[in-house]
Protein backbone atom coordinates (compact mmCIF):
# COMPACT_ATOMS: atom_id res chain seq x y z
CA MET A 1 -142.48 -41.94 -62.19
CA ARG A 2 -140.28 -45.15 -62.88
CA ALA A 3 -137.77 -42.94 -65.11
CA ILE A 4 -137.19 -40.71 -62.87
CA THR A 5 -136.68 -43.78 -59.75
CA ARG A 6 -133.91 -44.94 -62.29
CA ILE A 7 -132.62 -41.41 -62.28
CA PHE A 8 -132.43 -41.04 -59.10
CA PHE A 9 -131.00 -45.02 -58.83
CA TYR A 10 -128.16 -44.20 -61.14
CA LEU A 11 -126.88 -41.05 -59.30
CA ALA A 12 -126.29 -42.31 -56.02
CA ILE A 13 -124.75 -45.63 -57.37
CA THR A 14 -122.39 -42.64 -59.43
CA ALA A 15 -121.72 -40.97 -55.93
CA ILE A 16 -120.54 -44.26 -54.02
CA VAL A 17 -118.24 -45.46 -56.70
CA GLY A 18 -116.66 -42.08 -57.19
CA GLY A 19 -116.35 -42.03 -53.66
CA CYS A 20 -114.63 -45.04 -53.46
CA ALA A 21 -112.61 -44.07 -56.29
CA GLN A 22 -110.54 -41.02 -54.35
CA SER A 23 -107.68 -41.16 -52.95
CA PRO A 24 -107.11 -42.57 -49.85
CA SER A 25 -107.81 -40.88 -46.76
CA GLY A 26 -105.20 -40.44 -43.99
CA ARG A 27 -102.27 -38.36 -43.00
CA TYR A 28 -100.36 -39.98 -46.60
CA ALA A 29 -102.32 -39.46 -49.80
CA GLN A 30 -99.55 -41.84 -51.69
CA LYS A 31 -99.72 -45.07 -50.22
CA GLN A 32 -96.59 -46.83 -51.22
CA ASP A 33 -93.21 -44.46 -50.69
CA SER A 34 -90.79 -43.32 -53.61
CA ALA A 35 -88.48 -41.57 -55.53
CA PRO A 36 -89.88 -37.93 -56.79
CA GLN A 37 -92.50 -38.73 -59.71
CA PHE A 38 -92.27 -34.97 -60.96
CA ASN A 39 -90.15 -32.87 -62.53
CA TYR A 40 -87.57 -31.17 -60.19
CA ALA A 41 -84.26 -29.69 -60.14
CA GLU A 42 -81.37 -31.92 -59.47
CA PRO A 43 -81.00 -32.06 -55.51
CA GLU A 44 -77.36 -30.42 -54.85
CA MET A 45 -76.46 -32.78 -52.24
CA ARG A 46 -74.57 -30.47 -50.07
CA ASP A 47 -73.47 -31.81 -46.57
CA ALA A 48 -75.36 -29.76 -43.42
CA THR A 49 -73.54 -27.40 -41.53
CA PRO A 50 -73.02 -28.81 -38.03
CA ARG A 51 -73.35 -26.09 -35.52
CA TYR A 52 -74.72 -25.37 -31.85
CA GLU A 53 -78.88 -26.62 -31.65
CA PRO A 54 -79.76 -26.65 -28.35
CA TYR A 55 -82.16 -29.66 -27.71
CA ARG A 56 -85.74 -29.86 -28.30
CA GLU A 57 -86.80 -31.39 -24.71
CA HIS A 58 -90.12 -31.79 -25.46
CA ASN A 59 -89.16 -33.85 -28.60
CA ASN A 60 -86.26 -35.93 -26.14
CA ARG A 61 -89.37 -37.52 -24.11
CA PRO A 62 -89.73 -41.45 -24.41
CA TYR A 63 -92.32 -42.52 -26.80
CA THR A 64 -93.73 -45.85 -28.10
CA VAL A 65 -95.00 -47.09 -31.89
CA LEU A 66 -95.41 -49.83 -32.77
CA GLY A 67 -95.61 -51.08 -28.67
CA LYS A 68 -92.05 -51.21 -28.71
CA GLN A 69 -90.94 -47.87 -26.17
CA TYR A 70 -88.09 -45.90 -27.05
CA PHE A 71 -86.05 -43.48 -24.87
CA PRO A 72 -84.01 -40.68 -26.39
CA MET A 73 -80.53 -39.72 -25.22
CA SER A 74 -79.98 -36.67 -23.43
CA SER A 75 -76.95 -36.07 -25.56
CA GLY A 76 -75.65 -37.46 -28.52
CA LYS A 77 -71.89 -36.83 -27.99
CA GLY A 78 -69.90 -39.48 -28.49
CA PHE A 79 -72.15 -41.34 -29.98
CA GLU A 80 -71.61 -43.83 -33.15
CA GLN A 81 -73.43 -46.92 -34.85
CA ILE A 82 -72.83 -49.41 -37.48
CA GLY A 83 -75.68 -50.79 -38.88
CA TYR A 84 -78.40 -50.42 -42.12
CA ALA A 85 -79.81 -47.41 -43.70
CA SER A 86 -83.27 -47.00 -45.45
CA TRP A 87 -84.34 -43.73 -47.11
CA TYR A 88 -87.72 -41.78 -47.04
CA GLY A 89 -89.05 -39.87 -49.95
CA GLN A 90 -91.90 -38.88 -52.04
CA LYS A 91 -94.65 -40.20 -49.59
CA PHE A 92 -93.37 -37.98 -46.30
CA HIS A 93 -92.51 -35.00 -48.47
CA GLY A 94 -94.00 -32.10 -47.01
CA HIS A 95 -95.14 -33.22 -44.30
CA LEU A 96 -93.88 -32.69 -40.62
CA THR A 97 -91.16 -34.00 -39.37
CA SER A 98 -91.15 -35.12 -35.31
CA ASN A 99 -89.04 -32.11 -34.78
CA GLY A 100 -91.93 -30.01 -35.94
CA GLU A 101 -90.35 -28.85 -39.38
CA THR A 102 -91.71 -29.57 -42.70
CA TYR A 103 -90.28 -32.85 -43.91
CA ASP A 104 -88.00 -31.81 -47.27
CA MET A 105 -87.36 -35.09 -49.34
CA PHE A 106 -84.09 -33.07 -50.85
CA ALA A 107 -82.98 -31.54 -48.24
CA MET A 108 -79.43 -33.33 -46.33
CA SER A 109 -81.93 -34.62 -43.34
CA ALA A 110 -82.34 -38.06 -41.68
CA ALA A 111 -84.64 -39.89 -38.99
CA HIS A 112 -83.14 -41.77 -35.96
CA THR A 113 -84.99 -43.28 -33.09
CA THR A 114 -83.01 -42.17 -30.00
CA LEU A 115 -80.61 -39.65 -31.10
CA PRO A 116 -81.79 -35.92 -29.74
CA LEU A 117 -83.14 -33.76 -31.90
CA PRO A 118 -81.91 -31.96 -33.41
CA SER A 119 -78.37 -33.20 -34.01
CA PHE A 120 -76.18 -33.66 -36.48
CA VAL A 121 -74.41 -36.64 -37.91
CA LYS A 122 -71.44 -37.67 -40.31
CA VAL A 123 -73.16 -40.88 -42.31
CA THR A 124 -70.02 -43.08 -44.16
CA ASN A 125 -71.42 -46.20 -46.87
CA LEU A 126 -69.29 -48.69 -45.18
CA GLU A 127 -70.08 -50.57 -48.96
CA ASN A 128 -68.21 -47.27 -51.05
CA ASN A 129 -67.05 -45.19 -48.86
CA ARG A 130 -69.43 -42.37 -49.26
CA THR A 131 -70.16 -39.94 -46.54
CA ALA A 132 -72.63 -36.89 -45.78
CA ILE A 133 -73.36 -34.91 -43.11
CA VAL A 134 -77.09 -34.77 -42.32
CA ARG A 135 -78.88 -33.10 -40.02
CA VAL A 136 -81.62 -35.69 -37.77
CA ASN A 137 -85.04 -33.77 -37.15
CA ASP A 138 -87.32 -36.79 -37.50
CA ARG A 139 -87.98 -40.34 -35.41
CA GLY A 140 -87.62 -43.30 -37.38
CA PRO A 141 -86.93 -46.34 -38.75
CA PHE A 142 -89.14 -48.46 -36.53
CA HIS A 143 -87.60 -51.66 -38.33
CA ASP A 144 -85.14 -53.72 -35.91
CA ASP A 145 -82.81 -54.18 -38.75
CA ARG A 146 -82.36 -50.38 -39.71
CA ILE A 147 -80.58 -47.28 -37.91
CA ILE A 148 -80.96 -44.84 -39.79
CA ASP A 149 -83.58 -42.87 -42.55
CA LEU A 150 -81.77 -40.95 -44.91
CA SER A 151 -83.59 -38.26 -46.79
CA TYR A 152 -83.57 -38.83 -50.65
CA ALA A 153 -81.03 -36.47 -51.25
CA ALA A 154 -78.75 -38.18 -48.65
CA ALA A 155 -79.36 -41.46 -49.93
CA LYS A 156 -78.41 -40.30 -53.36
CA LYS A 157 -75.16 -38.83 -52.03
CA LEU A 158 -74.60 -42.01 -50.55
CA ASP A 159 -75.41 -44.39 -53.64
CA THR A 160 -77.94 -45.92 -51.39
CA MET A 161 -80.79 -46.07 -54.11
CA LYS A 162 -79.88 -49.37 -55.93
CA ASN A 163 -80.43 -51.52 -53.72
CA GLY A 164 -82.68 -49.59 -50.98
CA VAL A 165 -80.35 -50.50 -47.38
CA ALA A 166 -77.13 -50.06 -47.32
CA LYS A 167 -74.32 -50.62 -44.20
CA VAL A 168 -73.64 -47.84 -42.71
CA LYS A 169 -71.60 -46.08 -39.79
CA ILE A 170 -72.58 -42.96 -38.02
CA GLU A 171 -71.28 -40.66 -35.64
CA VAL A 172 -72.27 -37.72 -34.15
CA ILE A 173 -71.47 -34.23 -34.88
CA HIS A 174 -71.71 -32.86 -30.93
CA VAL A 175 -70.99 -28.74 -30.82
CA SER A 176 -70.63 -27.23 -27.71
CA PRO A 177 -72.42 -23.42 -26.98
CA GLU A 178 -68.85 -22.96 -27.24
CA GLY A 179 -68.02 -23.83 -30.46
CA LEU A 180 -66.26 -27.10 -29.78
CA TYR A 181 -66.73 -29.95 -32.13
CA THR A 182 -66.35 -33.78 -31.30
CA VAL A 183 -66.65 -36.33 -34.30
CA GLY A 184 -68.16 -39.63 -32.59
CA LYS A 185 -65.33 -40.92 -30.06
CA GLY A 186 -62.98 -38.21 -31.85
CA PRO A 187 -61.06 -35.97 -29.88
CA THR A 188 -63.05 -32.57 -29.29
CA GLN A 189 -61.64 -30.23 -30.89
CA SER A 190 -61.54 -26.04 -32.01
CA PHE A 191 -63.68 -25.29 -35.27
CA GLU A 192 -60.04 -24.45 -36.93
CA GLU A 193 -59.26 -27.51 -36.15
CA TYR A 194 -62.21 -29.51 -37.31
CA ALA A 195 -62.43 -28.16 -40.34
CA GLY A 196 -59.01 -29.17 -41.24
CA ILE A 197 -57.63 -24.94 -41.32
CA VAL A 198 -54.98 -25.82 -38.71
CA PRO A 199 -53.51 -29.03 -37.20
CA PRO A 200 -55.08 -30.69 -34.13
CA THR A 201 -53.31 -29.87 -30.97
CA THR A 202 -52.31 -33.19 -29.53
CA GLU A 203 -51.36 -34.40 -25.93
CA PRO A 204 -47.31 -33.62 -25.24
CA GLU A 205 -45.53 -36.99 -24.87
CA LYS A 206 -43.95 -37.59 -21.36
CA SER A 207 -40.71 -38.59 -23.02
CA GLU A 208 -40.50 -34.95 -24.45
CA GLY A 209 -39.46 -33.77 -20.29
CA ILE A 210 -41.07 -32.31 -17.90
CA TYR A 211 -44.39 -29.36 -17.59
CA ILE A 212 -45.59 -27.56 -15.37
CA GLN A 213 -49.27 -27.02 -15.18
CA VAL A 214 -50.41 -23.81 -14.58
CA ALA A 215 -54.21 -23.20 -15.38
CA ALA A 216 -56.99 -25.13 -17.53
CA LEU A 217 -59.69 -22.96 -19.38
CA SER A 218 -62.43 -23.36 -21.56
CA ASP A 219 -62.18 -20.17 -23.61
CA LYS A 220 -58.90 -20.65 -26.14
CA HIS A 221 -58.42 -16.98 -26.59
CA ASN A 222 -57.99 -16.69 -22.92
CA ALA A 223 -55.82 -19.70 -22.74
CA LYS A 224 -53.41 -18.18 -25.69
CA ALA A 225 -53.47 -14.84 -23.84
CA LEU A 226 -51.87 -16.25 -20.75
CA SER A 227 -49.72 -18.83 -22.27
CA ASP A 228 -47.82 -15.51 -24.17
CA GLY A 229 -47.68 -13.99 -20.81
CA LEU A 230 -46.10 -16.42 -18.94
CA ALA A 231 -43.99 -17.14 -22.03
CA SER A 232 -42.57 -13.65 -22.09
CA LEU A 233 -42.41 -13.45 -18.02
CA TYR A 234 -40.59 -16.83 -17.34
CA GLN A 235 -39.23 -16.35 -20.76
CA VAL A 236 -39.73 -20.36 -21.37
CA PRO A 237 -41.57 -22.31 -24.00
CA THR A 238 -45.23 -22.91 -23.38
CA ALA A 239 -47.99 -25.81 -24.35
CA LEU A 240 -51.58 -25.38 -24.72
CA PRO A 241 -53.28 -29.42 -25.62
CA PHE A 242 -57.23 -29.22 -25.39
CA VAL A 243 -57.77 -32.28 -22.96
CA ASP A 244 -61.40 -33.10 -22.07
CA ASN A 245 -63.15 -29.86 -23.61
CA LEU A 246 -60.37 -28.26 -22.07
CA PHE A 247 -57.07 -25.66 -22.62
CA ARG A 248 -54.45 -26.97 -20.50
CA LEU A 249 -51.48 -24.87 -19.85
CA ARG A 250 -47.87 -26.00 -19.56
CA LEU A 251 -44.84 -24.71 -19.11
CA GLY A 252 -41.94 -26.60 -20.61
CA PRO A 253 -40.81 -29.08 -21.42
CA PHE A 254 -37.93 -28.87 -19.39
CA GLN A 255 -35.06 -31.30 -18.65
CA ASP A 256 -33.93 -29.53 -15.41
CA ARG A 257 -35.32 -30.79 -12.12
CA PHE A 258 -33.64 -28.06 -9.93
CA GLN A 259 -34.93 -25.21 -12.77
CA VAL A 260 -38.79 -26.61 -12.39
CA SER A 261 -39.00 -26.96 -8.72
CA GLN A 262 -37.79 -23.06 -8.55
CA LEU A 263 -40.41 -22.04 -10.93
CA LEU A 264 -43.11 -23.99 -9.66
CA SER A 265 -42.63 -22.21 -6.01
CA ASP A 266 -42.41 -18.66 -8.10
CA LEU A 267 -45.86 -19.56 -10.09
CA GLN A 268 -47.16 -21.02 -6.97
CA ARG A 269 -46.22 -17.27 -4.54
CA ASN A 270 -47.61 -15.71 -7.90
CA GLY A 271 -50.64 -16.14 -8.15
CA TYR A 272 -50.83 -19.67 -9.01
CA PRO A 273 -50.89 -21.74 -6.04
CA GLY A 274 -52.93 -25.02 -8.18
CA ALA A 275 -49.72 -25.29 -10.14
CA TYR A 276 -48.03 -28.80 -10.51
CA ILE A 277 -45.71 -31.00 -11.99
CA ILE A 278 -46.72 -33.44 -14.50
CA GLY A 279 -44.64 -36.00 -17.15
CA LEU A 280 -42.00 -36.83 -14.36
């Protein structure tokens, strides 16, 4: 009888010790974050491709972490920030992000506390001038001295792995529903201008002469067609600068004020009553 009792006692102790030796419970099985600790193909580290994606409203509501409340922005357009970047890896790999997507440490992604989700961001390592474009689909880092958490792949591309953190500049790449691009506080451009396919359009210098602004259009193709039509009809040069998200159709430059006055009157009589003179 005593032998049987000892056997049951031994089995009970074994079960308790075995239970204590199991992986820690909770959302993450890994206690400390790390680089990948398994065999893997080297990540391509190819920049994320900025494109228009509507913000997900339910992911952009105020929230509280560690007693601090955060208020996500309604738009990331024009946003720039300088501070320190950290990175996160295997501990979070395969778990859901704040955007409801699966975190992939080999993708070019990042986390930010207040940028709208999703957002595209150009990150520049100010210590070595390396750049990466990432898609922000998560929240964090929740440390006062850091502004962005990079994926493992993004951190490798920016060469921040050695020290763990690096001073960076981040610039939102905002893409409108019409396909217009704005990088940080820079000018809004067409895709061709953003990609460097064509040189950016610049505002004409006032010293060049006098212009007549005929219309302001959001669609580049319509603006170009109208520009070509008026140039052919009146046999005058035209300009099509992109200012404040609109293509400004202007006739000119002119040096003769009498010619400008006559042309303006003709335009106003023939369907363009809002035409006006600029550059005087």
